[in-house]
């Protein structure tokens, strides 16, 4: 079996897997099935996170698999259980943890970025990170649970309600999942996206799409909302222009949720924030309740997993898959680690 490691800018090394040690006490060993590739993996691939990651790094954090072995002291789990992993390991002692915000621990180990990830056949992780999957769920589909959990957390942070109107700026994988979760709670959603191919994909899923180059997006949202403005605006694109224009789309006392990772500070229209008494919220990663809800949404078909999966590739083609992902043509690419595609 093979592993995939980031070694330097735009270079993924494929190597034969070394013998994996047994799981240490309090940990389990997972036989990895599938790993999804995402925007964070692209940041690693592009060298943008070299100051953070150690190399070589076996990366990957969107995954599914089955328990292969239990470390000492682990109870409540059995070999063969289908699982995914909430890839957060916090210290439990920092001010954020002590305030109940462990998921954004000030010393957080994001597994798959700060420590080895899932692009390997056998993966040892703390048992505390396991999330159970229902019997019968397809393991390739279950690899989408992690990004769905991101979307569930984003919508929950927004406090979006049934009957409200939400604008999602950016029709990539997370934008589509936010739109899907928002629709599942009864909200009405419009997705702003520049790329024509992605607009077609989003429209095929039943969402209203807006091309900001073809229409004035502010005027369009005003008309769509009867002159009120959107209840919630999700900024998912990561583009400077999107941030600058986002506040113009929200209603009086509306909410702007910043979802995208912005590598540099952005200009924002604070006059609009003041004038309409807007709320700006960050939304980073997820909590266990978000993961559990994400499992339900994938298992019951609310998330159209098969439609969202563009392709499945063998682990040896991880670099080519990342290059395909960065082109913007793919929605979600899965690496078939177990070779059972």
C-alpha atoms as a PDB file:
ATOM      1  CA  UNK A   1       0.000   0.000   0.000  1.00  0.00           C
ATOM      2  CA  UNK A   2       1.042   3.581  -0.689  1.00  0.00           C
ATOM      3  CA  UNK A   3       1.143   6.897   1.162  1.00  0.00           C
ATOM      4  CA  UNK A   4       0.950  10.430  -0.248  1.00  0.00           C
ATOM      5  CA  UNK A   5       3.099  13.137   1.339  1.00  0.00           C
ATOM      6  CA  UNK A   6       3.568  16.825   0.675  1.00  0.00           C
ATOM      7  CA  UNK A   7       7.311  17.459   0.430  1.00  0.00           C
ATOM      8  CA  UNK A   8       7.604  20.951  -1.087  1.00  0.00           C
ATOM      9  CA  UNK A   9       5.745  23.476  -3.217  1.00  0.00           C
ATOM     10  CA  UNK A  10       3.573  21.636  -5.772  1.00  0.00           C
ATOM     11  CA  UNK A  11       5.261  18.311  -5.081  1.00  0.00           C
ATOM     12  CA  UNK A  12       3.545  15.205  -3.712  1.00  0.00           C
ATOM     13  CA  UNK A  13       5.660  12.128  -3.034  1.00  0.00           C
ATOM     14  CA  UNK A  14       4.102   8.685  -3.386  1.00  0.00           C
ATOM     15  CA  UNK A  15       5.908   5.991  -1.421  1.00  0.00           C
ATOM     16  CA  UNK A  16       5.383   2.489  -0.139  1.00  0.00           C
ATOM     17  CA  UNK A  17       3.840   2.634   3.305  1.00  0.00           C
ATOM     18  CA  UNK A  18       6.141   1.876   6.180  1.00  0.00           C
ATOM     19  CA  UNK A  19       4.975  -0.537   8.836  1.00  0.00           C
ATOM     20  CA  UNK A  20       2.410   1.280  10.959  1.00  0.00           C
ATOM     21  CA  UNK A  21       2.973   0.839  14.699  1.00  0.00           C
ATOM     22  CA  UNK A  22       0.088  -0.411  16.820  1.00  0.00           C
ATOM     23  CA  UNK A  23      -2.190   2.342  18.127  1.00  0.00           C
ATOM     24  CA  UNK A  24      -0.919   3.801  21.417  1.00  0.00           C
ATOM     25  CA  UNK A  25      -3.088   3.826  24.542  1.00  0.00           C
ATOM     26  CA  UNK A  26      -6.254   5.848  24.051  1.00  0.00           C
ATOM     27  CA  UNK A  27      -5.972   5.649  20.267  1.00  0.00           C
ATOM     28  CA  UNK A  28      -7.332   3.507  17.457  1.00  0.00           C
ATOM     29  CA  UNK A  29      -5.965   2.407  14.123  1.00  0.00           C
ATOM     30  CA  UNK A  30      -8.166   3.035  11.106  1.00  0.00           C
ATOM     31  CA  UNK A  31      -8.041   1.226   7.796  1.00  0.00           C
ATOM     32  CA  UNK A  32      -8.631   4.265   5.601  1.00  0.00           C
ATOM     33  CA  UNK A  33     -11.111   3.876   2.760  1.00  0.00           C
ATOM     34  CA  UNK A  34     -11.485   7.257   1.021  1.00  0.00           C
ATOM     35  CA  UNK A  35     -10.045  10.746   1.489  1.00  0.00           C
ATOM     36  CA  UNK A  36     -11.546  13.909   0.025  1.00  0.00           C
ATOM     37  CA  UNK A  37      -9.313  16.706  -1.235  1.00  0.00           C
ATOM     38  CA  UNK A  38     -10.215  20.289  -0.354  1.00  0.00           C
ATOM     39  CA  UNK A  39      -9.107  23.902  -0.484  1.00  0.00           C
ATOM     40  CA  UNK A  40      -6.933  23.530   2.605  1.00  0.00           C
ATOM     41  CA  UNK A  41      -5.071  20.686   0.910  1.00  0.00           C
ATOM     42  CA  UNK A  42      -4.533  23.033  -2.039  1.00  0.00           C
ATOM     43  CA  UNK A  43      -3.058  25.646   0.314  1.00  0.00           C
ATOM     44  CA  UNK A  44      -0.615  22.981   1.523  1.00  0.00           C
ATOM     45  CA  UNK A  45       0.125  21.878  -2.059  1.00  0.00           C
ATOM     46  CA  UNK A  46       0.848  25.464  -3.113  1.00  0.00           C
ATOM     47  CA  UNK A  47       3.368  25.924  -0.295  1.00  0.00           C
ATOM     48  CA  UNK A  48       1.192  28.543   1.379  1.00  0.00           C
ATOM     49  CA  UNK A  49       1.333  26.705   4.711  1.00  0.00           C
ATOM     50  CA  UNK A  50       5.045  25.871   4.769  1.00  0.00           C
ATOM     51  CA  UNK A  51       5.534  27.947   7.911  1.00  0.00           C
ATOM     52  CA  UNK A  52       3.044  25.674   9.668  1.00  0.00           C
ATOM     53  CA  UNK A  53       3.440  22.156   8.293  1.00  0.00           C
ATOM     54  CA  UNK A  54       6.414  19.872   8.739  1.00  0.00           C
ATOM     55  CA  UNK A  55       7.677  17.951   5.723  1.00  0.00           C
ATOM     56  CA  UNK A  56       7.290  15.332   4.534  1.00  0.00           C
ATOM     57  CA  UNK A  57       3.642  15.509   5.626  1.00  0.00           C
ATOM     58  CA  UNK A  58       1.126  12.761   5.020  1.00  0.00           C
ATOM     59  CA  UNK A  59      -1.913  15.025   4.757  1.00  0.00           C
ATOM     60  CA  UNK A  60      -5.671  14.613   4.312  1.00  0.00           C
ATOM     61  CA  UNK A  61      -8.475  15.104   6.831  1.00  0.00           C
ATOM     62  CA  UNK A  62     -11.768  14.431   4.972  1.00  0.00           C
ATOM     63  CA  UNK A  63     -12.032  10.681   5.306  1.00  0.00           C
ATOM     64  CA  UNK A  64     -13.869   7.465   6.012  1.00  0.00           C
ATOM     65  CA  UNK A  65     -12.754   4.024   7.022  1.00  0.00           C
ATOM     66  CA  UNK A  66     -13.106   1.134   9.446  1.00  0.00           C
ATOM     67  CA  UNK A  67     -11.451   0.484  12.781  1.00  0.00           C
ATOM     68  CA  UNK A  68      -8.573  -1.965  12.343  1.00  0.00           C
ATOM     69  CA  UNK A  69      -7.178  -2.086  15.907  1.00  0.00           C
ATOM     70  CA  UNK A  70      -7.807  -0.653  19.360  1.00  0.00           C
ATOM     71  CA  UNK A  71      -5.194   0.797  21.683  1.00  0.00           C
ATOM     72  CA  UNK A  72      -5.156   0.028  25.383  1.00  0.00           C
ATOM     73  CA  UNK A  73      -7.902   1.717  27.374  1.00  0.00           C
ATOM     74  CA  UNK A  74     -10.229   2.259  24.418  1.00  0.00           C
ATOM     75  CA  UNK A  75     -13.810   1.182  25.028  1.00  0.00           C
ATOM     76  CA  UNK A  76     -17.098   1.611  23.195  1.00  0.00           C
ATOM     77  CA  UNK A  77     -15.597   0.774  19.816  1.00  0.00           C
ATOM     78  CA  UNK A  78     -14.990  -2.498  17.966  1.00  0.00           C
ATOM     79  CA  UNK A  79     -12.753  -3.616  15.128  1.00  0.00           C
ATOM     80  CA  UNK A  80     -14.709  -3.258  11.897  1.00  0.00           C
ATOM     81  CA  UNK A  81     -16.808  -0.285  13.009  1.00  0.00           C
ATOM     82  CA  UNK A  82     -17.274   2.234  10.154  1.00  0.00           C
ATOM     83  CA  UNK A  83     -16.050   5.648  11.249  1.00  0.00           C
ATOM     84  CA  UNK A  84     -14.977   9.076  10.221  1.00  0.00           C
ATOM     85  CA  UNK A  85     -12.720  11.409  12.183  1.00  0.00           C
ATOM     86  CA  UNK A  86     -13.299  14.900  13.532  1.00  0.00           C
ATOM     87  CA  UNK A  87      -9.636  15.857  13.043  1.00  0.00           C
ATOM     88  CA  UNK A  88      -9.236  18.200  16.018  1.00  0.00           C
ATOM     89  CA  UNK A  89      -7.028  17.473  19.012  1.00  0.00           C
ATOM     90  CA  UNK A  90      -7.132  20.221  21.636  1.00  0.00           C
ATOM     91  CA  UNK A  91      -5.132  20.696  24.823  1.00  0.00           C
ATOM     92  CA  UNK A  92      -8.051  21.300  27.186  1.00  0.00           C
ATOM     93  CA  UNK A  93      -6.087  23.882  29.186  1.00  0.00           C
ATOM     94  CA  UNK A  94      -5.949  27.091  27.123  1.00  0.00           C
ATOM     95  CA  UNK A  95      -8.423  29.967  27.670  1.00  0.00           C
ATOM     96  CA  UNK A  96     -10.482  28.947  24.632  1.00  0.00           C
ATOM     97  CA  UNK A  97     -10.835  25.369  25.874  1.00  0.00           C
ATOM     98  CA  UNK A  98     -11.657  26.446  29.402  1.00  0.00           C
ATOM     99  CA  UNK A  99     -14.399  28.683  27.976  1.00  0.00           C
ATOM    100  CA  UNK A 100     -15.955  25.685  26.195  1.00  0.00           C
ATOM    101  CA  UNK A 101     -14.548  26.485  22.743  1.00  0.00           C
ATOM    102  CA  UNK A 102     -12.242  23.470  22.404  1.00  0.00           C
ATOM    103  CA  UNK A 103     -12.732  23.322  18.631  1.00  0.00           C
ATOM    104  CA  UNK A 104     -10.786  26.583  18.305  1.00  0.00           C
ATOM    105  CA  UNK A 105      -8.209  25.741  20.946  1.00  0.00           C
ATOM    106  CA  UNK A 106      -5.356  28.230  20.973  1.00  0.00           C
ATOM    107  CA  UNK A 107      -2.943  25.301  20.625  1.00  0.00           C
ATOM    108  CA  UNK A 108      -5.085  23.196  18.310  1.00  0.00           C
ATOM    109  CA  UNK A 109      -3.593  20.205  16.507  1.00  0.00           C
ATOM    110  CA  UNK A 110      -5.561  20.019  13.275  1.00  0.00           C
ATOM    111  CA  UNK A 111      -4.841  16.432  12.347  1.00  0.00           C
ATOM    112  CA  UNK A 112      -3.819  16.134   8.711  1.00  0.00           C
ATOM    113  CA  UNK A 113      -2.209  19.578   8.769  1.00  0.00           C
ATOM    114  CA  UNK A 114      -0.316  19.908  12.035  1.00  0.00           C
ATOM    115  CA  UNK A 115       0.196  16.150  12.358  1.00  0.00           C
ATOM    116  CA  UNK A 116      -0.034  13.162   9.968  1.00  0.00           C
ATOM    117  CA  UNK A 117      -3.283  12.719   8.073  1.00  0.00           C
ATOM    118  CA  UNK A 118      -5.331  10.114   6.282  1.00  0.00           C
ATOM    119  CA  UNK A 119      -3.573   9.571   2.955  1.00  0.00           C
ATOM    120  CA  UNK A 120      -2.129   6.302   4.235  1.00  0.00           C
ATOM    121  CA  UNK A 121      -3.593   2.808   4.495  1.00  0.00           C
ATOM    122  CA  UNK A 122      -3.457   2.591   8.310  1.00  0.00           C
ATOM    123  CA  UNK A 123      -3.853   5.710  10.449  1.00  0.00           C
ATOM    124  CA  UNK A 124      -3.542   6.031  14.213  1.00  0.00           C
ATOM    125  CA  UNK A 125      -5.746   8.723  15.786  1.00  0.00           C
ATOM    126  CA  UNK A 126      -7.020   9.512  19.295  1.00  0.00           C
ATOM    127  CA  UNK A 127     -10.210   7.593  20.016  1.00  0.00           C
ATOM    128  CA  UNK A 128     -11.771  10.891  21.098  1.00  0.00           C
ATOM    129  CA  UNK A 129     -11.788  12.038  17.456  1.00  0.00           C
ATOM    130  CA  UNK A 130     -13.914   9.151  16.173  1.00  0.00           C
ATOM    131  CA  UNK A 131     -17.427   9.758  14.866  1.00  0.00           C
ATOM    132  CA  UNK A 132     -19.579   6.695  14.258  1.00  0.00           C
ATOM    133  CA  UNK A 133     -21.094   6.037  10.851  1.00  0.00           C
ATOM    134  CA  UNK A 134     -24.390   4.176  10.455  1.00  0.00           C
ATOM    135  CA  UNK A 135     -24.304   0.641   9.152  1.00  0.00           C
ATOM    136  CA  UNK A 136     -24.793   0.485   5.418  1.00  0.00           C
ATOM    137  CA  UNK A 137     -23.526   3.973   4.578  1.00  0.00           C
ATOM    138  CA  UNK A 138     -21.245   4.015   1.548  1.00  0.00           C
ATOM    139  CA  UNK A 139     -17.721   4.798   2.703  1.00  0.00           C
ATOM    140  CA  UNK A 140     -16.971   6.889  -0.363  1.00  0.00           C
ATOM    141  CA  UNK A 141     -20.006   9.059   0.402  1.00  0.00           C
ATOM    142  CA  UNK A 142     -19.014   9.210   4.083  1.00  0.00           C
ATOM    143  CA  UNK A 143     -15.757  10.938   3.121  1.00  0.00           C
ATOM    144  CA  UNK A 144     -17.939  14.022   2.576  1.00  0.00           C
ATOM    145  CA  UNK A 145     -19.009  14.200   6.213  1.00  0.00           C
ATOM    146  CA  UNK A 146     -16.158  16.527   7.236  1.00  0.00           C
ATOM    147  CA  UNK A 147     -16.921  19.289   4.695  1.00  0.00           C
ATOM    148  CA  UNK A 148     -20.642  18.893   5.409  1.00  0.00           C
ATOM    149  CA  UNK A 149     -19.822  19.459   9.094  1.00  0.00           C
ATOM    150  CA  UNK A 150     -18.092  22.688   8.087  1.00  0.00           C
ATOM    151  CA  UNK A 151     -21.285  23.800   6.349  1.00  0.00           C
ATOM    152  CA  UNK A 152     -23.483  22.775   9.281  1.00  0.00           C
ATOM    153  CA  UNK A 153     -21.289  24.837  11.612  1.00  0.00           C
ATOM    154  CA  UNK A 154     -21.371  27.831   9.260  1.00  0.00           C
ATOM    155  CA  UNK A 155     -25.167  27.801   9.065  1.00  0.00           C
ATOM    156  CA  UNK A 156     -25.467  27.335  12.814  1.00  0.00           C
ATOM    157  CA  UNK A 157     -23.114  30.264  13.442  1.00  0.00           C
ATOM    158  CA  UNK A 158     -25.322  32.372  11.184  1.00  0.00           C
ATOM    159  CA  UNK A 159     -28.428  31.553  13.257  1.00  0.00           C
ATOM    160  CA  UNK A 160     -30.254  31.242   9.947  1.00  0.00           C
ATOM    161  CA  UNK A 161     -33.928  30.352  10.255  1.00  0.00           C
ATOM    162  CA  UNK A 162     -36.597  28.780   8.076  1.00  0.00           C
ATOM    163  CA  UNK A 163     -38.140  31.312   5.717  1.00  0.00           C
ATOM    164  CA  UNK A 164     -35.104  33.595   5.712  1.00  0.00           C
ATOM    165  CA  UNK A 165     -33.055  34.450   2.659  1.00  0.00           C
ATOM    166  CA  UNK A 166     -29.356  33.677   2.422  1.00  0.00           C
ATOM    167  CA  UNK A 167     -26.768  34.667  -0.165  1.00  0.00           C
ATOM    168  CA  UNK A 168     -23.743  32.429  -0.620  1.00  0.00           C
ATOM    169  CA  UNK A 169     -20.793  34.112  -2.322  1.00  0.00           C
ATOM    170  CA  UNK A 170     -18.830  31.337  -3.999  1.00  0.00           C
ATOM    171  CA  UNK A 171     -20.202  28.196  -5.627  1.00  0.00           C
ATOM    172  CA  UNK A 172     -17.369  25.815  -4.827  1.00  0.00           C
ATOM    173  CA  UNK A 173     -17.751  22.678  -2.679  1.00  0.00           C
ATOM    174  CA  UNK A 174     -18.223  24.451   0.658  1.00  0.00           C
ATOM    175  CA  UNK A 175     -20.502  27.074  -0.867  1.00  0.00           C
ATOM    176  CA  UNK A 176     -22.703  24.356  -2.349  1.00  0.00           C
ATOM    177  CA  UNK A 177     -22.787  22.485   0.960  1.00  0.00           C
ATOM    178  CA  UNK A 178     -23.718  25.650   2.863  1.00  0.00           C
ATOM    179  CA  UNK A 179     -26.516  26.225   0.370  1.00  0.00           C
ATOM    180  CA  UNK A 180     -27.650  22.608   0.816  1.00  0.00           C
ATOM    181  CA  UNK A 181     -27.671  22.799   4.622  1.00  0.00           C
ATOM    182  CA  UNK A 182     -29.429  26.185   4.534  1.00  0.00           C
ATOM    183  CA  UNK A 183     -32.111  24.802   2.229  1.00  0.00           C
ATOM    184  CA  UNK A 184     -32.546  21.784   4.495  1.00  0.00           C
ATOM    185  CA  UNK A 185     -33.679  24.035   7.343  1.00  0.00           C
ATOM    186  CA  UNK A 186     -36.157  25.873   5.123  1.00  0.00           C
ATOM    187  CA  UNK A 187     -34.154  28.921   4.044  1.00  0.00           C
ATOM    188  CA  UNK A 188     -34.241  30.349   0.518  1.00  0.00           C
ATOM    189  CA  UNK A 189     -30.781  30.485  -1.053  1.00  0.00           C
ATOM    190  CA  UNK A 190     -29.057  32.301  -3.911  1.00  0.00           C
ATOM    191  CA  UNK A 191     -25.477  31.538  -4.921  1.00  0.00           C
ATOM    192  CA  UNK A 192     -23.215  34.170  -6.478  1.00  0.00           C
ATOM    193  CA  UNK A 193     -20.527  32.601  -8.657  1.00  0.00           C
ATOM    194  CA  UNK A 194     -18.289  33.941 -11.416  1.00  0.00           C
ATOM    195  CA  UNK A 195     -17.474  30.666 -13.162  1.00  0.00           C
ATOM    196  CA  UNK A 196     -20.046  29.538 -15.693  1.00  0.00           C
ATOM    197  CA  UNK A 197     -19.323  25.844 -15.256  1.00  0.00           C
ATOM    198  CA  UNK A 198     -19.813  26.032 -11.525  1.00  0.00           C
ATOM    199  CA  UNK A 199     -23.023  28.037 -11.954  1.00  0.00           C
ATOM    200  CA  UNK A 200     -24.357  25.220 -14.124  1.00  0.00           C
ATOM    201  CA  UNK A 201     -23.454  22.664 -11.452  1.00  0.00           C
ATOM    202  CA  UNK A 202     -25.100  24.731  -8.731  1.00  0.00           C
ATOM    203  CA  UNK A 203     -28.214  25.399 -10.809  1.00  0.00           C
ATOM    204  CA  UNK A 204     -28.529  21.666 -11.536  1.00  0.00           C
ATOM    205  CA  UNK A 205     -28.878  21.161  -7.779  1.00  0.00           C
ATOM    206  CA  UNK A 206     -31.908  23.463  -7.784  1.00  0.00           C
ATOM    207  CA  UNK A 207     -30.356  26.683  -6.497  1.00  0.00           C
ATOM    208  CA  UNK A 208     -30.808  30.179  -7.872  1.00  0.00           C
ATOM    209  CA  UNK A 209     -27.489  31.420  -9.262  1.00  0.00           C
ATOM    210  CA  UNK A 210     -26.210  34.909  -9.991  1.00  0.00           C
ATOM    211  CA  UNK A 211     -23.411  35.926 -12.357  1.00  0.00           C
ATOM    212  CA  UNK A 212     -21.997  39.140 -10.840  1.00  0.00           C
ATOM    213  CA  UNK A 213     -20.441  40.080 -14.169  1.00  0.00           C
ATOM    214  CA  UNK A 214     -23.779  39.959 -15.949  1.00  0.00           C
ATOM    215  CA  UNK A 215     -25.914  41.777 -13.373  1.00  0.00           C
ATOM    216  CA  UNK A 216     -25.399  44.215 -10.524  1.00  0.00           C
ATOM    217  CA  UNK A 217     -25.425  41.777  -7.608  1.00  0.00           C
ATOM    218  CA  UNK A 218     -26.519  44.407  -5.087  1.00  0.00           C
ATOM    219  CA  UNK A 219     -29.466  45.445  -7.236  1.00  0.00           C
ATOM    220  CA  UNK A 220     -30.331  41.783  -7.871  1.00  0.00           C
ATOM    221  CA  UNK A 221     -30.392  40.964  -4.144  1.00  0.00           C
ATOM    222  CA  UNK A 222     -32.458  44.085  -3.441  1.00  0.00           C
ATOM    223  CA  UNK A 223     -35.049  42.957  -5.982  1.00  0.00           C
ATOM    224  CA  UNK A 224     -34.950  39.331  -4.770  1.00  0.00           C
ATOM    225  CA  UNK A 225     -35.603  40.401  -1.190  1.00  0.00           C
ATOM    226  CA  UNK A 226     -38.190  43.098  -1.960  1.00  0.00           C
ATOM    227  CA  UNK A 227     -35.787  45.896  -1.109  1.00  0.00           C
ATOM    228  CA  UNK A 228     -34.884  44.439   2.285  1.00  0.00           C
ATOM    229  CA  UNK A 229     -31.533  42.721   1.741  1.00  0.00           C
ATOM    230  CA  UNK A 230     -30.449  39.204   2.657  1.00  0.00           C
ATOM    231  CA  UNK A 231     -30.854  37.951   6.208  1.00  0.00           C
ATOM    232  CA  UNK A 232     -27.464  36.237   6.004  1.00  0.00           C
ATOM    233  CA  UNK A 233     -24.533  36.556   3.611  1.00  0.00           C
ATOM    234  CA  UNK A 234     -21.907  33.796   3.581  1.00  0.00           C
ATOM    235  CA  UNK A 235     -18.529  34.847   2.164  1.00  0.00           C
ATOM    236  CA  UNK A 236     -17.002  31.625   0.859  1.00  0.00           C
ATOM    237  CA  UNK A 237     -15.013  32.758  -2.174  1.00  0.00           C
ATOM    238  CA  UNK A 238     -11.934  34.140  -0.453  1.00  0.00           C
ATOM    239  CA  UNK A 239     -11.765  36.993  -2.972  1.00  0.00           C
ATOM    240  CA  UNK A 240     -10.987  40.554  -1.889  1.00  0.00           C
ATOM    241  CA  UNK A 241     -13.702  42.015  -4.132  1.00  0.00           C
ATOM    242  CA  UNK A 242     -16.274  39.662  -2.633  1.00  0.00           C
ATOM    243  CA  UNK A 243     -15.479  40.808   0.897  1.00  0.00           C
ATOM    244  CA  UNK A 244     -15.717  44.456  -0.103  1.00  0.00           C
ATOM    245  CA  UNK A 245     -19.108  43.947  -1.726  1.00  0.00           C
ATOM    246  CA  UNK A 246     -20.599  41.522   0.788  1.00  0.00           C
ATOM    247  CA  UNK A 247     -21.879  44.070   3.289  1.00  0.00           C
ATOM    248  CA  UNK A 248     -24.004  45.745   0.587  1.00  0.00           C
ATOM    249  CA  UNK A 249     -26.074  42.567   0.269  1.00  0.00           C
ATOM    250  CA  UNK A 250     -27.244  42.288   3.874  1.00  0.00           C
ATOM    251  CA  UNK A 251     -30.405  43.714   5.390  1.00  0.00           C
ATOM    252  CA  UNK A 252     -30.566  46.047   8.380  1.00  0.00           C
ATOM    253  CA  UNK A 253     -29.166  44.031  11.293  1.00  0.00           C
ATOM    254  CA  UNK A 254     -28.284  41.256   8.893  1.00  0.00           C
ATOM    255  CA  UNK A 255     -25.349  38.915   9.374  1.00  0.00           C
ATOM    256  CA  UNK A 256     -22.167  38.394   7.373  1.00  0.00           C
ATOM    257  CA  UNK A 257     -20.469  35.054   8.019  1.00  0.00           C
ATOM    258  CA  UNK A 258     -16.817  34.855   6.987  1.00  0.00           C
ATOM    259  CA  UNK A 259     -16.165  31.261   5.938  1.00  0.00           C
ATOM    260  CA  UNK A 260     -13.252  31.494   3.494  1.00  0.00           C
ATOM    261  CA  UNK A 261      -9.631  31.456   4.600  1.00  0.00           C
ATOM    262  CA  UNK A 262      -8.200  34.841   3.652  1.00  0.00           C
ATOM    263  CA  UNK A 263      -4.396  34.741   3.479  1.00  0.00           C
ATOM    264  CA  UNK A 264      -4.038  38.518   3.869  1.00  0.00           C
ATOM    265  CA  UNK A 265      -6.110  41.294   5.496  1.00  0.00           C
ATOM    266  CA  UNK A 266      -9.022  42.484   3.357  1.00  0.00           C
ATOM    267  CA  UNK A 267     -10.728  45.827   2.880  1.00  0.00           C
ATOM    268  CA  UNK A 268     -14.298  45.867   4.195  1.00  0.00           C
ATOM    269  CA  UNK A 269     -17.041  48.512   4.040  1.00  0.00           C
ATOM    270  CA  UNK A 270     -17.302  49.429   7.713  1.00  0.00           C
ATOM    271  CA  UNK A 271     -19.536  52.383   6.898  1.00  0.00           C
ATOM    272  CA  UNK A 272     -22.164  49.873   5.753  1.00  0.00           C
ATOM    273  CA  UNK A 273     -21.585  47.785   8.878  1.00  0.00           C
ATOM    274  CA  UNK A 274     -22.214  50.897  10.985  1.00  0.00           C
ATOM    275  CA  UNK A 275     -25.149  52.186   8.955  1.00  0.00           C
ATOM    276  CA  UNK A 276     -27.115  48.939   8.966  1.00  0.00           C
ATOM    277  CA  UNK A 277     -25.897  47.633  12.334  1.00  0.00           C
ATOM    278  CA  UNK A 278     -24.592  44.477  10.708  1.00  0.00           C
ATOM    279  CA  UNK A 279     -23.126  41.534  12.574  1.00  0.00           C
ATOM    280  CA  UNK A 280     -19.921  39.945  11.295  1.00  0.00           C
ATOM    281  CA  UNK A 281     -19.131  36.412  12.446  1.00  0.00           C
ATOM    282  CA  UNK A 282     -16.216  34.130  11.773  1.00  0.00           C
ATOM    283  CA  UNK A 283     -16.907  30.438  11.264  1.00  0.00           C
ATOM    284  CA  UNK A 284     -13.990  28.058  11.672  1.00  0.00           C
ATOM    285  CA  UNK A 285     -14.095  24.247  11.608  1.00  0.00           C
ATOM    286  CA  UNK A 286     -16.854  22.539  13.648  1.00  0.00           C
ATOM    287  CA  UNK A 287     -18.002  20.954  16.876  1.00  0.00           C
ATOM    288  CA  UNK A 288     -19.115  17.387  17.526  1.00  0.00           C
ATOM    289  CA  UNK A 289     -22.806  18.233  17.154  1.00  0.00           C
ATOM    290  CA  UNK A 290     -22.014  19.573  13.668  1.00  0.00           C
ATOM    291  CA  UNK A 291     -20.308  16.299  12.738  1.00  0.00           C
ATOM    292  CA  UNK A 292     -23.193  14.214  14.039  1.00  0.00           C
ATOM    293  CA  UNK A 293     -25.684  16.279  12.052  1.00  0.00           C
ATOM    294  CA  UNK A 294     -23.463  16.008   8.969  1.00  0.00           C
ATOM    295  CA  UNK A 295     -23.515  12.206   9.235  1.00  0.00           C
ATOM    296  CA  UNK A 296     -27.324  12.333   9.224  1.00  0.00           C
ATOM    297  CA  UNK A 297     -27.456  14.629   6.190  1.00  0.00           C
ATOM    298  CA  UNK A 298     -25.142  12.385   4.172  1.00  0.00           C
ATOM    299  CA  UNK A 299     -26.823   9.165   5.287  1.00  0.00           C
ATOM    300  CA  UNK A 300     -30.378  10.322   4.499  1.00  0.00           C
ATOM    301  CA  UNK A 301     -29.466  11.718   1.080  1.00  0.00           C
ATOM    302  CA  UNK A 302     -30.065  15.391   1.881  1.00  0.00           C
ATOM    303  CA  UNK A 303     -26.503  15.932   0.678  1.00  0.00           C
ATOM    304  CA  UNK A 304     -26.384  14.621  -2.908  1.00  0.00           C
ATOM    305  CA  UNK A 305     -23.033  12.932  -2.429  1.00  0.00           C
ATOM    306  CA  UNK A 306     -22.899  11.095  -5.734  1.00  0.00           C
ATOM    307  CA  UNK A 307     -23.634  14.288  -7.667  1.00  0.00           C
ATOM    308  CA  UNK A 308     -20.973  16.233  -5.778  1.00  0.00           C
ATOM    309  CA  UNK A 309     -18.227  13.636  -6.279  1.00  0.00           C
ATOM    310  CA  UNK A 310     -16.539  14.544  -9.551  1.00  0.00           C
ATOM    311  CA  UNK A 311     -14.180  11.577  -9.580  1.00  0.00           C
ATOM    312  CA  UNK A 312     -12.419   8.905  -7.571  1.00  0.00           C
ATOM    313  CA  UNK A 313      -8.714   8.378  -8.157  1.00  0.00           C
ATOM    314  CA  UNK A 314      -6.108   5.935  -6.852  1.00  0.00           C
ATOM    315  CA  UNK A 315      -3.694   7.265  -4.249  1.00  0.00           C
ATOM    316  CA  UNK A 316      -0.850   7.255  -6.778  1.00  0.00           C
ATOM    317  CA  UNK A 317      -2.686  10.024  -8.676  1.00  0.00           C
ATOM    318  CA  UNK A 318      -2.989  12.414  -5.718  1.00  0.00           C
ATOM    319  CA  UNK A 319      -0.843  15.118  -7.327  1.00  0.00           C
ATOM    320  CA  UNK A 320      -2.827  15.012 -10.573  1.00  0.00           C
ATOM    321  CA  UNK A 321      -6.036  15.189  -8.542  1.00  0.00           C
ATOM    322  CA  UNK A 322      -4.834  18.338  -6.760  1.00  0.00           C
ATOM    323  CA  UNK A 323      -3.932  19.891 -10.099  1.00  0.00           C
ATOM    324  CA  UNK A 324      -7.429  19.080 -11.368  1.00  0.00           C
ATOM    325  CA  UNK A 325      -8.946  20.576  -8.221  1.00  0.00           C
ATOM    326  CA  UNK A 326      -7.021  23.833  -8.572  1.00  0.00           C
ATOM    327  CA  UNK A 327      -8.299  24.229 -12.132  1.00  0.00           C
ATOM    328  CA  UNK A 328     -11.789  24.827 -10.723  1.00  0.00           C
ATOM    329  CA  UNK A 329     -13.337  22.162 -12.940  1.00  0.00           C
ATOM    330  CA  UNK A 330     -13.938  19.645 -10.148  1.00  0.00           C
ATOM    331  CA  UNK A 331     -16.364  19.853  -7.260  1.00  0.00           C
ATOM    332  CA  UNK A 332     -15.061  17.031  -5.036  1.00  0.00           C
ATOM    333  CA  UNK A 333     -12.313  14.518  -5.807  1.00  0.00           C
ATOM    334  CA  UNK A 334     -11.894  11.444  -3.624  1.00  0.00           C
ATOM    335  CA  UNK A 335      -8.668   9.497  -3.221  1.00  0.00           C
ATOM    336  CA  UNK A 336      -9.415   5.788  -3.014  1.00  0.00           C
ATOM    337  CA  UNK A 337      -6.803   4.835  -0.422  1.00  0.00           C
ATOM    338  CA  UNK A 338      -8.026   1.266   0.033  1.00  0.00           C
ATOM    339  CA  UNK A 339      -8.072   0.597  -3.697  1.00  0.00           C
ATOM    340  CA  UNK A 340     -11.677  -0.568  -3.714  1.00  0.00           C
ATOM    341  CA  UNK A 341     -13.108   2.001  -6.136  1.00  0.00           C
END
